[in-house]
Protein backbone atom coordinates (compact mmCIF):
# COMPACT_ATOMS: atom_id res chain seq x y z
CA MET A 1 73.52 255.66 -75.47
CA MET A 2 72.30 252.28 -74.24
CA THR A 3 72.77 250.50 -77.57
CA GLU A 4 76.33 251.79 -77.90
CA ALA A 5 77.08 250.69 -74.33
CA VAL A 6 75.76 247.20 -75.06
CA GLN A 7 77.73 247.01 -78.31
CA SER A 8 80.93 248.12 -76.61
CA THR A 9 80.69 245.53 -73.81
CA ALA A 10 79.17 242.56 -75.64
CA LYS A 11 81.65 239.90 -76.63
CA PRO A 12 81.79 238.56 -80.20
CA GLY A 13 80.35 235.23 -79.00
CA VAL A 14 77.17 236.98 -77.82
CA TRP A 15 76.60 238.54 -81.25
CA ALA A 16 77.55 235.32 -83.04
CA GLY A 17 75.19 233.32 -80.82
CA LEU A 18 72.35 235.75 -81.48
CA PHE A 19 73.06 235.71 -85.21
CA CYS A 20 73.20 231.89 -85.40
CA THR A 21 70.13 231.46 -83.18
CA ASN A 22 68.15 233.81 -85.41
CA MET A 23 69.35 231.98 -88.54
CA ALA A 24 68.30 228.62 -87.07
CA LEU A 25 64.92 229.99 -86.01
CA ILE A 26 64.26 231.49 -89.45
CA PHE A 27 65.30 228.19 -91.05
CA VAL A 28 63.01 226.09 -88.82
CA LEU A 29 60.05 228.44 -89.28
CA SER A 30 60.61 228.42 -93.03
CA ILE A 31 60.89 224.64 -93.54
CA THR A 32 57.91 223.96 -91.26
CA GLY A 33 55.79 226.37 -93.29
CA ALA A 34 55.16 228.70 -90.35
CA ILE A 35 56.43 231.58 -92.49
CA GLU A 36 56.26 231.81 -96.26
CA HIS A 37 58.12 233.64 -99.03
CA PRO A 38 59.17 236.51 -98.90
CA VAL A 39 59.14 236.66 -95.07
CA PRO A 40 62.20 234.38 -94.58
CA MET A 41 64.24 236.55 -96.96
CA ILE A 42 63.23 239.73 -95.12
CA LEU A 43 64.08 238.16 -91.75
CA LEU A 44 67.45 236.97 -93.11
CA ALA A 45 68.19 240.50 -94.30
CA CYS A 46 67.30 241.95 -90.90
CA ASN A 47 69.52 239.35 -89.22
CA MET A 48 72.44 240.38 -91.45
CA VAL A 49 72.45 243.72 -89.62
CA LEU A 50 73.87 241.82 -86.62
CA LEU A 51 77.07 241.37 -88.62
CA ILE A 52 77.95 245.00 -87.91
CA PRO A 53 78.20 244.71 -84.09
CA LEU A 54 79.61 241.18 -84.48
CA VAL A 55 82.51 242.36 -86.65
CA LYS A 56 83.06 245.47 -84.51
CA SER A 57 83.21 243.50 -81.26
CA ALA A 58 85.40 240.81 -82.84
CA SER A 59 87.75 243.48 -84.18
CA ARG A 60 87.85 245.17 -80.78
CA ALA A 61 88.62 241.85 -79.07
CA GLN A 62 91.35 241.11 -81.62
CA GLU A 63 92.84 244.59 -81.19
CA GLU A 64 92.96 244.09 -77.42
CA LYS A 65 95.03 240.97 -78.06
CA GLY A 66 97.18 242.79 -80.61
CA ALA A 67 95.99 240.43 -83.33
CA VAL A 68 94.60 242.87 -85.91
CA SER A 69 96.65 243.94 -88.89
CA LYS A 70 96.10 246.50 -91.61
CA ALA A 71 95.25 243.62 -93.98
CA MET A 72 92.63 242.31 -91.50
CA ARG A 73 90.95 245.71 -91.26
CA ALA A 74 90.81 245.95 -95.06
CA TYR A 75 89.43 242.40 -95.24
CA ASN A 76 86.70 243.17 -92.69
CA ARG A 77 85.61 246.24 -94.69
CA ARG A 78 85.59 244.33 -97.98
CA PHE A 79 83.81 241.28 -96.63
CA LEU A 80 81.11 243.33 -94.87
CA THR A 81 80.60 245.46 -97.98
CA PHE A 82 80.11 242.41 -100.20
CA SER A 83 77.89 240.80 -97.53
CA PHE A 84 75.53 243.76 -97.60
CA ILE A 85 75.58 243.89 -101.40
CA TYR A 86 74.73 240.17 -101.36
CA MET A 87 71.83 240.79 -99.00
CA VAL A 88 70.44 243.66 -101.06
CA VAL A 89 70.84 241.82 -104.37
CA MET A 90 69.34 238.61 -102.97
CA LEU A 91 66.28 240.43 -101.61
CA GLY A 92 65.95 242.53 -104.75
CA ALA A 93 66.16 239.44 -106.96
CA ALA A 94 63.60 237.58 -104.84
CA PHE A 95 61.23 240.55 -104.98
CA ALA A 96 61.69 241.04 -108.73
CA ALA A 97 61.23 237.32 -109.41
CA GLY A 98 57.74 237.54 -107.93
CA LYS A 99 56.86 240.22 -110.49
CA LEU A 100 58.13 238.35 -113.55
CA ALA A 101 56.31 235.74 -115.58
CA GLU A 102 57.41 232.18 -114.95
CA GLY A 103 60.08 231.08 -117.43
CA SER A 104 61.05 234.64 -118.32
CA PRO A 105 64.64 234.97 -119.60
CA ALA A 106 65.13 237.73 -117.01
CA MET A 107 64.88 235.00 -114.34
CA TRP A 108 68.33 233.81 -115.44
CA VAL A 109 69.76 237.23 -114.72
CA LEU A 110 68.04 237.36 -111.32
CA ALA A 111 69.34 233.90 -110.44
CA VAL A 112 72.93 234.80 -111.33
CA LEU A 113 73.06 238.28 -109.72
CA PRO A 114 73.43 237.13 -106.07
CA MET A 115 76.42 235.00 -107.09
CA LEU A 116 78.44 238.11 -107.99
CA PRO A 117 78.76 239.52 -104.45
CA ALA A 118 79.38 235.95 -103.20
CA PHE A 119 82.39 235.86 -105.53
CA GLY A 120 83.33 239.24 -104.07
CA MET A 121 83.40 237.75 -100.56
CA ILE A 122 85.65 234.93 -101.77
CA TRP A 123 87.88 237.49 -103.52
CA ALA A 124 88.08 239.44 -100.22
CA MET A 125 89.33 236.29 -98.45
CA VAL A 126 91.89 235.49 -101.17
CA ARG A 127 93.09 239.10 -101.18
CA TYR A 128 93.45 239.02 -97.40
CA LEU A 129 95.57 235.87 -97.55
CA GLN A 130 97.79 237.57 -100.17
CA GLU A 131 98.11 240.84 -98.22
CA GLU A 132 98.56 239.40 -94.72
CA HIS A 133 102.25 239.34 -93.79
CA ASP A 134 101.74 237.94 -90.30
CA GLU A 135 101.96 234.15 -90.65
CA TYR A 136 100.03 233.51 -87.44
CA LEU A 137 97.08 235.66 -88.56
CA ARG A 138 97.15 234.04 -92.00
CA LEU A 139 97.09 230.59 -90.38
CA ARG A 140 94.11 231.62 -88.21
CA ALA A 141 92.22 232.76 -91.32
CA VAL A 142 92.95 229.52 -93.18
CA ASN A 143 91.91 227.48 -90.14
CA ALA A 144 88.71 229.52 -89.82
CA SER A 145 87.87 228.93 -93.49
CA MET A 146 88.38 225.20 -92.88
CA VAL A 147 85.88 225.38 -90.00
CA GLY A 148 83.40 226.97 -92.43
CA LEU A 149 84.09 224.32 -95.04
CA GLY A 150 83.72 221.56 -92.45
CA LEU A 151 80.39 223.00 -91.30
CA VAL A 152 79.08 223.09 -94.87
CA LEU A 153 80.25 219.53 -95.60
CA VAL A 154 78.76 218.09 -92.40
CA LEU A 155 75.46 219.97 -92.69
CA GLY A 156 75.11 219.32 -96.42
CA THR A 157 75.94 215.63 -96.21
CA GLY A 158 73.81 215.11 -93.12
CA TRP A 159 70.81 216.93 -94.57
CA GLY A 160 71.28 215.08 -97.86
CA PHE A 161 71.00 211.70 -96.13
CA LEU A 162 67.98 212.83 -94.11
CA GLU A 163 66.37 214.08 -97.32
CA THR A 164 67.21 210.85 -99.16
CA PHE A 165 65.25 208.90 -96.57
CA ASP A 166 62.34 211.38 -96.72
CA LEU A 167 62.86 212.47 -93.10
CA VAL A 168 63.19 216.19 -93.87
CA PRO A 169 61.94 218.47 -96.65
CA HIS A 170 64.09 219.55 -99.59
CA ILE A 171 65.87 222.89 -99.10
CA TRP A 172 67.42 225.16 -101.68
CA ALA A 173 71.18 224.93 -102.07
CA TRP A 174 71.82 228.67 -101.67
CA TRP A 175 72.15 228.02 -97.93
CA VAL A 176 75.70 226.73 -98.58
CA PHE A 177 77.45 230.10 -98.79
CA PRO A 178 75.83 231.67 -95.69
CA ALA A 179 76.59 228.45 -93.76
CA TRP A 180 80.24 228.68 -94.82
CA ALA A 181 80.39 232.36 -93.79
CA ILE A 182 78.88 231.49 -90.39
CA GLY A 183 81.44 228.71 -89.98
CA LEU A 184 84.19 231.15 -90.96
CA GLY A 185 83.02 233.55 -88.27
CA ILE A 186 82.86 230.76 -85.70
CA GLY A 187 86.36 229.67 -86.71
CA MET A 188 87.70 233.21 -86.28
CA ALA A 189 86.07 233.46 -82.86
CA LEU A 190 87.44 230.16 -81.57
CA PRO A 191 90.37 230.52 -79.20
CA GLU A 192 93.71 229.34 -80.55
CA ARG A 193 95.22 226.25 -79.03
CA GLY A 194 98.73 226.33 -77.70
CA GLY A 195 101.56 224.52 -79.40
CA GLU A 196 103.84 225.20 -82.25
CA VAL A 197 103.16 224.73 -85.91
CA SER A 198 105.75 222.46 -87.46
């Protein structure tokens, strides 16, 4: 069908660009007050669906280059599974929090629950690095995680200074993990430079 044809021809950068553009739009609408809770959470969850064609097209592009291993396929499955669990738990916790009385002890449980699948995503990355026997692919994954870390550090520090000088509103710190994951995806999509690793 048409959707399958688009998915099969679209490059990973198209899906990543759409995903990141949507994330930025949701963020801007949320901090400007144009949309209010729980709408940003619902929009974020809908945007997470774009991870499916993004990962499929990235995997297809990697396979065409001969750069996909058994460990990478297992990593993709694990990471996507924990991503969707994260999304469901985050939305469920946000919905349930609205039904509980303020200060309820159950709020602690709701606050901690989304961290569990986030740990699962980190475990998936560590497991991949342990299982990957191809040094080049392992290096690409480490470099991609450094891109994600760099993105988080630059965005967090920059926003922190802007917030310190009362130029932007305060935002919740849970944005850190999704920003790292986006940076990781960007890092994996970046073309490798030539040259040897010494």
